[in-house]
Amino acid sequence: MTIPATPSQTVGPYFAIGLTKLVTTDLAGAGVKGEKVTIRGRVLDADGNSIDDAVIETWQANSYGKYAHPEDTQDKPLEPGFKGFGRVATDDNGAFSLTTIKPGRVPGPDGTLQAPHILAAISMRGLLKHLVTRIYFPDEPGNAEDPILKLVEPSRRTTLIARSVPGQEGMLEWNVICAGEHETVFFDY
């Protein structure tokens, strides 16, 4: 007797079923201090095709450089209207958008300071382990001394730095390319 193998399966589709009500596209409520920015972009595969079922979760410090988390013991203020966590889904064209504030600098390894950045985790169908990356800000002086950004080959750092959108104040573009020659830098955590 031969027992046939079960068909292989991808992860999902869970996003529309279980995560829709948890979508948070605006992290900064009214009155939150800091430079408000909107980050828009697309999630693409190696061939430039849009990925229409990705979810991007973000985590960041507030404008003072403090995370809304019990393990952040820095003597810096918290802001009740600032969530620090966001979740956005891509649309049929792989596009997403979220509004937040530019975070302050946070401590890094060995007493260094990290440049303002947003942590991002990308999940999608067929991906068994989410992709982890960072979004850095353009023209940020701290980028040159950021200890994590320094670990990345200089020619690849541009995949982590959002771009200003000409003529649109406060609008940044940051695309995620999941594989191929121009793949976004992903980190193992």
N, C-alpha and C. Protein backbone atom coordinates (compact mmCIF):
# COMPACT_ATOMS: atom_id res chain seq x y z
N MET A 1 0.84 -1.18 0.00
CA MET A 1 0.00 0.00 0.00
C MET A 1 0.88 1.25 0.00
N THR A 2 0.59 2.17 -0.87
CA THR A 2 1.33 3.43 -0.95
C THR A 2 0.43 4.56 -0.45
N ILE A 3 1.00 5.39 0.40
CA ILE A 3 0.25 6.54 0.91
C ILE A 3 0.75 7.78 0.18
N PRO A 4 -0.13 8.46 -0.54
CA PRO A 4 0.31 9.66 -1.28
C PRO A 4 0.59 10.82 -0.33
N ALA A 5 1.56 11.63 -0.72
CA ALA A 5 1.87 12.83 0.06
C ALA A 5 0.72 13.82 -0.06
N THR A 6 0.49 14.56 1.01
CA THR A 6 -0.54 15.61 0.95
C THR A 6 0.00 16.77 0.13
N PRO A 7 -0.88 17.52 -0.50
CA PRO A 7 -0.39 18.64 -1.30
C PRO A 7 0.27 19.70 -0.44
N SER A 8 1.30 20.34 -0.97
CA SER A 8 1.95 21.41 -0.22
C SER A 8 1.01 22.61 -0.15
N GLN A 9 1.12 23.35 0.93
CA GLN A 9 0.24 24.49 1.16
C GLN A 9 1.07 25.73 1.46
N THR A 10 0.52 26.87 1.11
CA THR A 10 1.14 28.12 1.51
C THR A 10 0.45 28.61 2.77
N VAL A 11 1.04 29.57 3.41
CA VAL A 11 0.44 30.16 4.60
C VAL A 11 -0.70 31.06 4.16
N GLY A 12 -1.82 30.96 4.82
CA GLY A 12 -2.92 31.87 4.54
C GLY A 12 -4.01 31.22 3.74
N PRO A 13 -4.99 31.93 3.26
CA PRO A 13 -5.14 33.38 3.36
C PRO A 13 -5.75 33.81 4.70
N TYR A 14 -4.93 34.37 5.56
CA TYR A 14 -5.40 34.79 6.87
C TYR A 14 -5.62 36.30 6.97
N PHE A 15 -4.97 37.07 6.11
CA PHE A 15 -4.97 38.51 6.29
C PHE A 15 -6.36 39.11 6.27
N ALA A 16 -7.15 38.83 5.27
CA ALA A 16 -8.49 39.41 5.19
C ALA A 16 -9.40 38.85 6.27
N ILE A 17 -9.17 37.62 6.68
CA ILE A 17 -10.03 36.99 7.66
C ILE A 17 -9.73 37.49 9.06
N GLY A 18 -8.46 37.47 9.47
CA GLY A 18 -8.14 37.73 10.86
C GLY A 18 -7.49 39.06 11.18
N LEU A 19 -6.99 39.78 10.18
CA LEU A 19 -6.22 40.98 10.50
C LEU A 19 -6.86 42.29 10.07
N THR A 20 -7.91 42.25 9.29
CA THR A 20 -8.50 43.47 8.77
C THR A 20 -8.88 44.44 9.87
N LYS A 21 -9.51 43.94 10.93
CA LYS A 21 -9.94 44.85 12.00
C LYS A 21 -8.77 45.40 12.80
N LEU A 22 -7.56 44.85 12.61
CA LEU A 22 -6.38 45.32 13.33
C LEU A 22 -5.54 46.30 12.52
N VAL A 23 -6.00 46.67 11.33
CA VAL A 23 -5.26 47.61 10.49
C VAL A 23 -5.22 48.97 11.18
N THR A 24 -4.01 49.55 11.25
CA THR A 24 -3.79 50.86 11.85
C THR A 24 -2.92 51.65 10.90
N THR A 25 -3.51 52.58 10.17
CA THR A 25 -2.75 53.34 9.17
C THR A 25 -2.32 54.71 9.67
N ASP A 26 -2.84 55.16 10.82
CA ASP A 26 -2.45 56.46 11.37
C ASP A 26 -1.95 56.24 12.80
N LEU A 27 -0.64 56.34 12.99
CA LEU A 27 -0.04 56.08 14.29
C LEU A 27 -0.05 57.29 15.21
N ALA A 28 -0.20 58.48 14.65
CA ALA A 28 -0.10 59.70 15.44
C ALA A 28 -1.45 60.39 15.53
N GLY A 29 -2.05 60.32 16.69
CA GLY A 29 -3.34 60.98 16.90
C GLY A 29 -3.17 62.49 16.99
N ALA A 30 -4.27 63.18 17.15
CA ALA A 30 -4.26 64.64 17.25
C ALA A 30 -3.42 65.07 18.45
N GLY A 31 -2.63 66.10 18.26
CA GLY A 31 -1.84 66.66 19.35
C GLY A 31 -0.52 65.97 19.62
N VAL A 32 -0.19 64.91 18.89
CA VAL A 32 1.08 64.22 19.10
C VAL A 32 2.20 65.10 18.55
N LYS A 33 3.25 65.28 19.33
CA LYS A 33 4.37 66.12 18.91
C LYS A 33 5.24 65.39 17.90
N GLY A 34 5.84 66.16 17.02
CA GLY A 34 6.77 65.58 16.05
C GLY A 34 6.41 65.94 14.63
N GLU A 35 7.34 65.67 13.75
CA GLU A 35 7.17 65.94 12.32
C GLU A 35 6.31 64.85 11.70
N LYS A 36 5.11 65.22 11.28
CA LYS A 36 4.18 64.25 10.70
C LYS A 36 4.61 63.90 9.27
N VAL A 37 4.61 62.60 8.97
CA VAL A 37 4.98 62.13 7.64
C VAL A 37 4.01 61.03 7.20
N THR A 38 3.82 60.96 5.91
CA THR A 38 3.09 59.85 5.31
C THR A 38 4.08 59.08 4.48
N ILE A 39 4.11 57.77 4.69
CA ILE A 39 5.01 56.89 3.94
C ILE A 39 4.13 56.03 3.05
N ARG A 40 4.38 56.13 1.76
CA ARG A 40 3.64 55.30 0.82
C ARG A 40 4.63 54.51 -0.01
N GLY A 41 4.16 53.42 -0.56
CA GLY A 41 5.04 52.61 -1.39
C GLY A 41 4.31 51.40 -1.91
N ARG A 42 5.09 50.47 -2.45
CA ARG A 42 4.54 49.23 -2.98
C ARG A 42 5.41 48.07 -2.55
N VAL A 43 4.81 46.90 -2.46
CA VAL A 43 5.53 45.66 -2.21
C VAL A 43 5.55 44.90 -3.53
N LEU A 44 6.77 44.57 -3.99
CA LEU A 44 6.95 43.98 -5.32
C LEU A 44 7.78 42.71 -5.24
N ASP A 45 7.57 41.82 -6.21
CA ASP A 45 8.41 40.62 -6.30
C ASP A 45 9.64 40.94 -7.15
N ALA A 46 10.47 39.93 -7.41
CA ALA A 46 11.73 40.13 -8.15
C ALA A 46 11.51 40.63 -9.57
N ASP A 47 10.34 40.34 -10.15
CA ASP A 47 10.05 40.76 -11.52
C ASP A 47 9.32 42.10 -11.59
N GLY A 48 9.12 42.73 -10.44
CA GLY A 48 8.42 44.02 -10.41
C GLY A 48 6.91 43.88 -10.36
N ASN A 49 6.41 42.66 -10.16
CA ASN A 49 4.97 42.45 -10.04
C ASN A 49 4.52 42.80 -8.63
N SER A 50 3.34 43.40 -8.54
CA SER A 50 2.83 43.78 -7.23
C SER A 50 2.41 42.57 -6.42
N ILE A 51 2.59 42.66 -5.11
CA ILE A 51 2.14 41.64 -4.18
C ILE A 51 0.94 42.22 -3.46
N ASP A 52 -0.23 41.67 -3.80
CA ASP A 52 -1.49 42.28 -3.35
C ASP A 52 -2.02 41.75 -2.03
N ASP A 53 -1.28 40.89 -1.36
CA ASP A 53 -1.79 40.36 -0.09
C ASP A 53 -0.76 40.45 1.03
N ALA A 54 0.12 41.44 0.95
CA ALA A 54 1.13 41.63 1.99
C ALA A 54 0.56 42.48 3.12
N VAL A 55 1.10 42.26 4.31
CA VAL A 55 0.79 43.08 5.47
C VAL A 55 2.11 43.59 6.01
N ILE A 56 2.18 44.90 6.26
CA ILE A 56 3.38 45.51 6.82
C ILE A 56 3.03 45.98 8.23
N GLU A 57 3.76 45.47 9.21
CA GLU A 57 3.61 45.92 10.59
C GLU A 57 4.80 46.78 10.93
N THR A 58 4.54 47.92 11.56
CA THR A 58 5.62 48.84 11.91
C THR A 58 5.65 49.06 13.42
N TRP A 59 6.83 49.36 13.93
CA TRP A 59 7.04 49.64 15.35
C TRP A 59 8.11 50.73 15.43
N GLN A 60 7.83 51.76 16.21
CA GLN A 60 8.77 52.86 16.27
C GLN A 60 8.67 53.60 17.59
N ALA A 61 9.71 54.39 17.85
CA ALA A 61 9.73 55.27 19.02
C ALA A 61 8.94 56.54 18.69
N ASN A 62 8.60 57.29 19.72
CA ASN A 62 7.94 58.58 19.51
C ASN A 62 8.98 59.64 19.14
N SER A 63 8.57 60.87 19.03
CA SER A 63 9.49 61.94 18.59
C SER A 63 10.59 62.21 19.61
N TYR A 64 10.40 61.77 20.85
CA TYR A 64 11.43 61.93 21.87
C TYR A 64 12.44 60.78 21.86
N GLY A 65 12.16 59.74 21.09
CA GLY A 65 13.04 58.58 21.06
C GLY A 65 12.71 57.55 22.12
N LYS A 66 11.44 57.48 22.52
CA LYS A 66 11.01 56.52 23.54
C LYS A 66 9.94 55.61 22.96
N TYR A 67 10.11 54.30 23.19
CA TYR A 67 9.13 53.31 22.76
C TYR A 67 8.04 53.20 23.82
N ALA A 68 6.82 52.97 23.38
CA ALA A 68 5.69 52.72 24.29
C ALA A 68 5.73 51.25 24.69
N HIS A 69 6.74 50.89 25.46
CA HIS A 69 6.94 49.50 25.87
C HIS A 69 7.60 49.49 27.25
N PRO A 70 7.18 48.59 28.13
CA PRO A 70 7.73 48.56 29.48
C PRO A 70 9.25 48.37 29.55
N GLU A 71 9.85 47.74 28.54
CA GLU A 71 11.30 47.54 28.57
C GLU A 71 12.08 48.80 28.21
N ASP A 72 11.42 49.83 27.70
CA ASP A 72 12.10 51.10 27.43
C ASP A 72 12.05 51.92 28.71
N THR A 73 13.14 51.92 29.44
CA THR A 73 13.20 52.60 30.74
C THR A 73 13.83 53.98 30.66
N GLN A 74 14.02 54.51 29.47
CA GLN A 74 14.59 55.84 29.32
C GLN A 74 13.71 56.88 30.01
N ASP A 75 14.34 57.89 30.56
CA ASP A 75 13.61 58.97 31.22
C ASP A 75 13.21 60.00 30.17
N LYS A 76 12.29 59.59 29.31
CA LYS A 76 11.76 60.45 28.25
C LYS A 76 10.25 60.36 28.30
N PRO A 77 9.55 61.39 27.83
CA PRO A 77 8.09 61.37 27.92
C PRO A 77 7.42 60.39 26.94
N LEU A 78 6.30 59.84 27.39
CA LEU A 78 5.40 59.07 26.54
C LEU A 78 4.24 59.97 26.15
N GLU A 79 3.63 59.70 25.02
CA GLU A 79 2.47 60.48 24.58
C GLU A 79 1.28 59.54 24.41
N PRO A 80 0.21 59.77 25.15
CA PRO A 80 -0.94 58.87 25.09
C PRO A 80 -1.54 58.71 23.69
N GLY A 81 -1.48 59.74 22.86
CA GLY A 81 -2.07 59.67 21.52
C GLY A 81 -1.19 59.00 20.48
N PHE A 82 0.01 58.58 20.88
CA PHE A 82 0.92 57.96 19.93
C PHE A 82 0.93 56.45 20.14
N LYS A 83 0.60 55.72 19.08
CA LYS A 83 0.49 54.26 19.17
C LYS A 83 1.84 53.56 19.07
N GLY A 84 2.71 54.01 18.19
CA GLY A 84 4.01 53.37 18.00
C GLY A 84 3.95 52.11 17.15
N PHE A 85 2.78 51.52 17.02
CA PHE A 85 2.60 50.29 16.24
C PHE A 85 1.58 50.55 15.14
N GLY A 86 1.89 50.08 13.95
CA GLY A 86 0.95 50.21 12.84
C GLY A 86 0.88 48.92 12.04
N ARG A 87 -0.21 48.78 11.33
CA ARG A 87 -0.39 47.62 10.44
C ARG A 87 -1.15 48.09 9.22
N VAL A 88 -0.55 47.89 8.05
CA VAL A 88 -1.21 48.25 6.80
C VAL A 88 -1.15 47.06 5.86
N ALA A 89 -2.16 46.95 5.03
CA ALA A 89 -2.22 45.89 4.02
C ALA A 89 -2.03 46.52 2.64
N THR A 90 -1.49 45.74 1.73
CA THR A 90 -1.34 46.23 0.36
C THR A 90 -2.66 46.07 -0.39
N ASP A 91 -2.86 46.92 -1.38
CA ASP A 91 -4.07 46.82 -2.19
C ASP A 91 -3.79 45.96 -3.43
N ASP A 92 -4.69 45.98 -4.39
CA ASP A 92 -4.54 45.16 -5.60
C ASP A 92 -3.29 45.48 -6.40
N ASN A 93 -2.73 46.68 -6.22
CA ASN A 93 -1.52 47.08 -6.92
C ASN A 93 -0.28 46.96 -6.05
N GLY A 94 -0.41 46.32 -4.89
CA GLY A 94 0.72 46.17 -3.98
C GLY A 94 1.05 47.44 -3.22
N ALA A 95 0.16 48.43 -3.28
CA ALA A 95 0.42 49.73 -2.66
C ALA A 95 -0.05 49.77 -1.21
N PHE A 96 0.63 50.59 -0.42
CA PHE A 96 0.26 50.82 0.97
C PHE A 96 0.57 52.26 1.34
N SER A 97 0.01 52.72 2.45
CA SER A 97 0.27 54.06 2.95
C SER A 97 0.02 54.08 4.45
N LEU A 98 0.89 54.77 5.18
CA LEU A 98 0.69 54.96 6.61
C LEU A 98 1.15 56.36 7.00
N THR A 99 0.51 56.91 8.03
CA THR A 99 0.86 58.24 8.52
C THR A 99 1.37 58.10 9.94
N THR A 100 2.48 58.78 10.22
CA THR A 100 3.10 58.69 11.53
C THR A 100 3.90 59.97 11.78
N ILE A 101 4.77 59.92 12.76
CA ILE A 101 5.70 61.02 13.00
C ILE A 101 7.12 60.47 12.86
N LYS A 102 8.03 61.37 12.54
CA LYS A 102 9.43 60.97 12.47
C LYS A 102 9.88 60.69 13.90
N PRO A 103 10.39 59.47 14.17
CA PRO A 103 10.80 59.14 15.53
C PRO A 103 12.09 59.84 15.92
N GLY A 104 12.30 59.95 17.21
CA GLY A 104 13.57 60.46 17.73
C GLY A 104 14.62 59.36 17.71
N ARG A 105 15.83 59.74 18.04
CA ARG A 105 16.93 58.77 18.08
C ARG A 105 16.81 57.91 19.33
N VAL A 106 17.15 56.65 19.18
CA VAL A 106 17.09 55.70 20.29
C VAL A 106 18.49 55.12 20.53
N PRO A 107 18.73 54.60 21.74
CA PRO A 107 20.05 54.02 22.02
C PRO A 107 20.33 52.82 21.13
N GLY A 108 21.60 52.68 20.78
CA GLY A 108 22.06 51.55 19.98
C GLY A 108 23.08 50.75 20.75
N PRO A 109 23.75 49.82 20.09
CA PRO A 109 24.76 49.00 20.76
C PRO A 109 25.95 49.83 21.25
N ASP A 110 26.51 49.42 22.36
CA ASP A 110 27.74 50.02 22.90
C ASP A 110 27.63 51.53 23.13
N GLY A 111 26.47 51.99 23.56
CA GLY A 111 26.30 53.41 23.89
C GLY A 111 26.14 54.33 22.70
N THR A 112 25.98 53.78 21.50
CA THR A 112 25.79 54.61 20.32
C THR A 112 24.33 55.07 20.24
N LEU A 113 24.08 55.99 19.33
CA LEU A 113 22.71 56.40 19.04
C LEU A 113 22.35 55.93 17.64
N GLN A 114 21.13 55.45 17.48
CA GLN A 114 20.64 55.05 16.16
C GLN A 114 19.95 56.25 15.51
N ALA A 115 20.02 56.31 14.21
CA ALA A 115 19.31 57.35 13.46
C ALA A 115 17.81 57.09 13.57
N PRO A 116 16.99 58.12 13.40
CA PRO A 116 15.54 57.88 13.39
C PRO A 116 15.19 56.82 12.35
N HIS A 117 14.39 55.84 12.77
CA HIS A 117 14.02 54.75 11.87
C HIS A 117 12.73 54.11 12.36
N ILE A 118 12.12 53.36 11.48
CA ILE A 118 10.92 52.58 11.79
C ILE A 118 11.23 51.13 11.46
N LEU A 119 10.93 50.25 12.39
CA LEU A 119 11.09 48.82 12.14
C LEU A 119 9.88 48.35 11.33
N ALA A 120 10.10 47.47 10.37
CA ALA A 120 9.00 46.96 9.54
C ALA A 120 9.12 45.46 9.38
N ALA A 121 7.99 44.77 9.56
CA ALA A 121 7.92 43.32 9.33
C ALA A 121 6.88 43.08 8.25
N ILE A 122 7.27 42.35 7.21
CA ILE A 122 6.39 42.10 6.07
C ILE A 122 5.99 40.63 6.06
N SER A 123 4.70 40.38 6.00
CA SER A 123 4.16 39.02 5.90
C SER A 123 3.32 38.92 4.64
N MET A 124 3.25 37.73 4.08
CA MET A 124 2.43 37.52 2.88
C MET A 124 2.24 36.03 2.65
N ARG A 125 1.33 35.72 1.77
CA ARG A 125 1.06 34.33 1.38
C ARG A 125 2.35 33.67 0.90
N GLY A 126 2.56 32.44 1.34
CA GLY A 126 3.71 31.68 0.89
C GLY A 126 5.00 31.97 1.64
N LEU A 127 4.97 32.92 2.53
CA LEU A 127 6.16 33.30 3.29
C LEU A 127 6.02 32.73 4.70
N LEU A 128 6.82 31.76 5.04
CA LEU A 128 6.70 31.10 6.33
C LEU A 128 7.31 31.90 7.46
N LYS A 129 8.24 32.77 7.15
CA LYS A 129 8.88 33.63 8.16
C LYS A 129 8.81 35.06 7.63
N HIS A 130 8.30 35.97 8.44
CA HIS A 130 8.17 37.34 7.95
C HIS A 130 9.54 37.95 7.66
N LEU A 131 9.54 38.96 6.81
CA LEU A 131 10.75 39.69 6.45
C LEU A 131 10.85 40.90 7.38
N VAL A 132 12.03 41.14 7.93
CA VAL A 132 12.23 42.25 8.85
C VAL A 132 13.22 43.23 8.24
N THR A 133 12.85 44.50 8.25
CA THR A 133 13.70 45.52 7.68
C THR A 133 13.50 46.83 8.45
N ARG A 134 14.05 47.89 7.95
CA ARG A 134 13.93 49.21 8.58
C ARG A 134 13.65 50.25 7.52
N ILE A 135 12.99 51.31 7.96
CA ILE A 135 12.77 52.48 7.11
C ILE A 135 13.54 53.63 7.76
N TYR A 136 14.51 54.16 7.04
CA TYR A 136 15.26 55.34 7.50
C TYR A 136 14.76 56.56 6.74
N PHE A 137 15.11 57.74 7.22
CA PHE A 137 14.61 58.99 6.66
C PHE A 137 15.67 59.66 5.80
N PRO A 138 15.24 60.28 4.69
CA PRO A 138 16.20 60.92 3.78
C PRO A 138 16.83 62.16 4.42
N ASP A 139 18.04 62.47 4.01
CA ASP A 139 18.75 63.67 4.46
C ASP A 139 18.86 63.76 5.98
N GLU A 140 18.92 62.63 6.64
CA GLU A 140 19.05 62.57 8.10
C GLU A 140 20.52 62.48 8.46
N PRO A 141 21.08 63.48 9.15
CA PRO A 141 22.50 63.45 9.51
C PRO A 141 22.89 62.19 10.31
N GLY A 142 21.99 61.68 11.14
CA GLY A 142 22.29 60.50 11.95
C GLY A 142 22.49 59.23 11.14
N ASN A 143 22.05 59.22 9.89
CA ASN A 143 22.22 58.01 9.06
C ASN A 143 23.70 57.63 8.92
N ALA A 144 24.57 58.63 8.83
CA ALA A 144 26.00 58.36 8.62
C ALA A 144 26.64 57.65 9.79
N GLU A 145 26.08 57.80 10.99
CA GLU A 145 26.68 57.17 12.17
C GLU A 145 25.83 56.05 12.76
N ASP A 146 24.72 55.72 12.11
CA ASP A 146 23.85 54.68 12.63
C ASP A 146 24.57 53.33 12.63
N PRO A 147 24.67 52.66 13.80
CA PRO A 147 25.44 51.42 13.86
C PRO A 147 24.83 50.26 13.06
N ILE A 148 23.52 50.24 12.88
CA ILE A 148 22.89 49.17 12.11
C ILE A 148 23.04 49.44 10.62
N LEU A 149 22.80 50.67 10.22
CA LEU A 149 22.95 51.04 8.81
C LEU A 149 24.39 50.85 8.34
N LYS A 150 25.35 51.05 9.23
CA LYS A 150 26.76 50.85 8.88
C LYS A 150 27.08 49.38 8.57
N LEU A 151 26.26 48.45 9.06
CA LEU A 151 26.47 47.03 8.78
C LEU A 151 26.11 46.66 7.34
N VAL A 152 25.38 47.53 6.68
CA VAL A 152 24.89 47.28 5.32
C VAL A 152 25.88 47.84 4.31
N GLU A 153 26.15 47.06 3.28
CA GLU A 153 27.03 47.51 2.20
C GLU A 153 26.52 48.86 1.67
N PRO A 154 27.39 49.86 1.50
CA PRO A 154 26.95 51.20 1.09
C PRO A 154 26.03 51.23 -0.13
N SER A 155 26.30 50.39 -1.12
CA SER A 155 25.48 50.40 -2.34
C SER A 155 24.06 49.88 -2.09
N ARG A 156 23.83 49.18 -0.98
CA ARG A 156 22.51 48.60 -0.68
C ARG A 156 21.72 49.44 0.32
N ARG A 157 22.35 50.43 0.94
CA ARG A 157 21.68 51.23 1.97
C ARG A 157 20.48 51.99 1.43
N THR A 158 20.50 52.32 0.15
CA THR A 158 19.38 53.08 -0.43
C THR A 158 18.06 52.31 -0.36
N THR A 159 18.13 50.98 -0.24
CA THR A 159 16.89 50.20 -0.15
C THR A 159 16.20 50.40 1.20
N LEU A 160 16.92 50.97 2.16
CA LEU A 160 16.37 51.20 3.49
C LEU A 160 15.96 52.65 3.72
N ILE A 161 16.37 53.54 2.86
CA ILE A 161 16.12 54.97 3.06
C ILE A 161 14.97 55.42 2.17
N ALA A 162 13.91 55.92 2.81
CA ALA A 162 12.76 56.45 2.06
C ALA A 162 13.20 57.66 1.25
N ARG A 163 12.45 57.97 0.22
CA ARG A 163 12.75 59.12 -0.64
C ARG A 163 11.66 60.17 -0.49
N SER A 164 12.07 61.43 -0.46
CA SER A 164 11.11 62.52 -0.46
C SER A 164 10.38 62.55 -1.78
N VAL A 165 9.09 62.86 -1.74
CA VAL A 165 8.30 62.97 -2.97
C VAL A 165 8.30 64.45 -3.37
N PRO A 166 8.89 64.78 -4.52
CA PRO A 166 8.98 66.19 -4.93
C PRO A 166 7.61 66.87 -4.97
N GLY A 167 7.55 68.06 -4.39
CA GLY A 167 6.33 68.86 -4.41
C GLY A 167 5.27 68.42 -3.41
N GLN A 168 5.57 67.43 -2.59
CA GLN A 168 4.59 66.94 -1.61
C GLN A 168 5.24 66.90 -0.22
N GLU A 169 5.16 68.00 0.47
CA GLU A 169 5.76 68.12 1.81
C GLU A 169 5.22 67.04 2.75
N GLY A 170 6.13 66.40 3.47
CA GLY A 170 5.72 65.38 4.43
C GLY A 170 5.39 64.04 3.81
N MET A 171 5.59 63.88 2.52
CA MET A 171 5.30 62.61 1.83
C MET A 171 6.61 61.92 1.48
N LEU A 172 6.73 60.65 1.90
CA LEU A 172 7.91 59.86 1.59
C LEU A 172 7.50 58.61 0.82
N GLU A 173 8.40 58.12 -0.02
CA GLU A 173 8.15 56.88 -0.75
C GLU A 173 9.19 55.85 -0.33
N TRP A 174 8.71 54.65 -0.03
CA TRP A 174 9.60 53.54 0.35
C TRP A 174 8.98 52.26 -0.18
N ASN A 175 9.69 51.61 -1.10
CA ASN A 175 9.19 50.38 -1.71
C ASN A 175 9.93 49.17 -1.15
N VAL A 176 9.23 48.06 -1.09
CA VAL A 176 9.81 46.79 -0.64
C VAL A 176 9.91 45.89 -1.86
N ILE A 177 11.13 45.48 -2.18
CA ILE A 177 11.35 44.54 -3.27
C ILE A 177 11.81 43.25 -2.62
N CYS A 178 11.02 42.21 -2.75
CA CYS A 178 11.18 40.99 -1.96
C CYS A 178 12.30 40.06 -2.42
N ALA A 179 12.79 40.23 -3.63
CA ALA A 179 13.87 39.35 -4.12
C ALA A 179 14.47 39.99 -5.37
N GLY A 180 15.57 39.43 -5.81
CA GLY A 180 16.16 39.88 -7.06
C GLY A 180 17.30 40.86 -6.88
N GLU A 181 17.71 41.44 -7.99
CA GLU A 181 18.88 42.31 -8.03
C GLU A 181 18.74 43.53 -7.11
N HIS A 182 17.57 44.10 -7.01
CA HIS A 182 17.36 45.32 -6.21
C HIS A 182 16.63 45.02 -4.90
N GLU A 183 16.78 43.81 -4.39
CA GLU A 183 16.08 43.37 -3.19
C GLU A 183 16.34 44.31 -2.01
N THR A 184 15.29 44.60 -1.27
CA THR A 184 15.41 45.38 -0.05
C THR A 184 16.29 44.60 0.94
N VAL A 185 17.06 45.30 1.73
CA VAL A 185 17.87 44.65 2.76
C VAL A 185 16.94 44.17 3.86
N PHE A 186 17.05 42.89 4.21
CA PHE A 186 16.27 42.30 5.31
C PHE A 186 17.24 41.82 6.38
N PHE A 187 16.79 41.86 7.63
CA PHE A 187 17.63 41.50 8.77
C PHE A 187 17.12 40.23 9.43
N ASP A 188 18.03 39.46 10.01
CA ASP A 188 17.68 38.31 10.84
C ASP A 188 17.59 38.81 12.28
N TYR A 189 16.47 38.58 12.91
CA TYR A 189 16.31 38.98 14.31
C TYR A 189 16.17 37.76 15.16
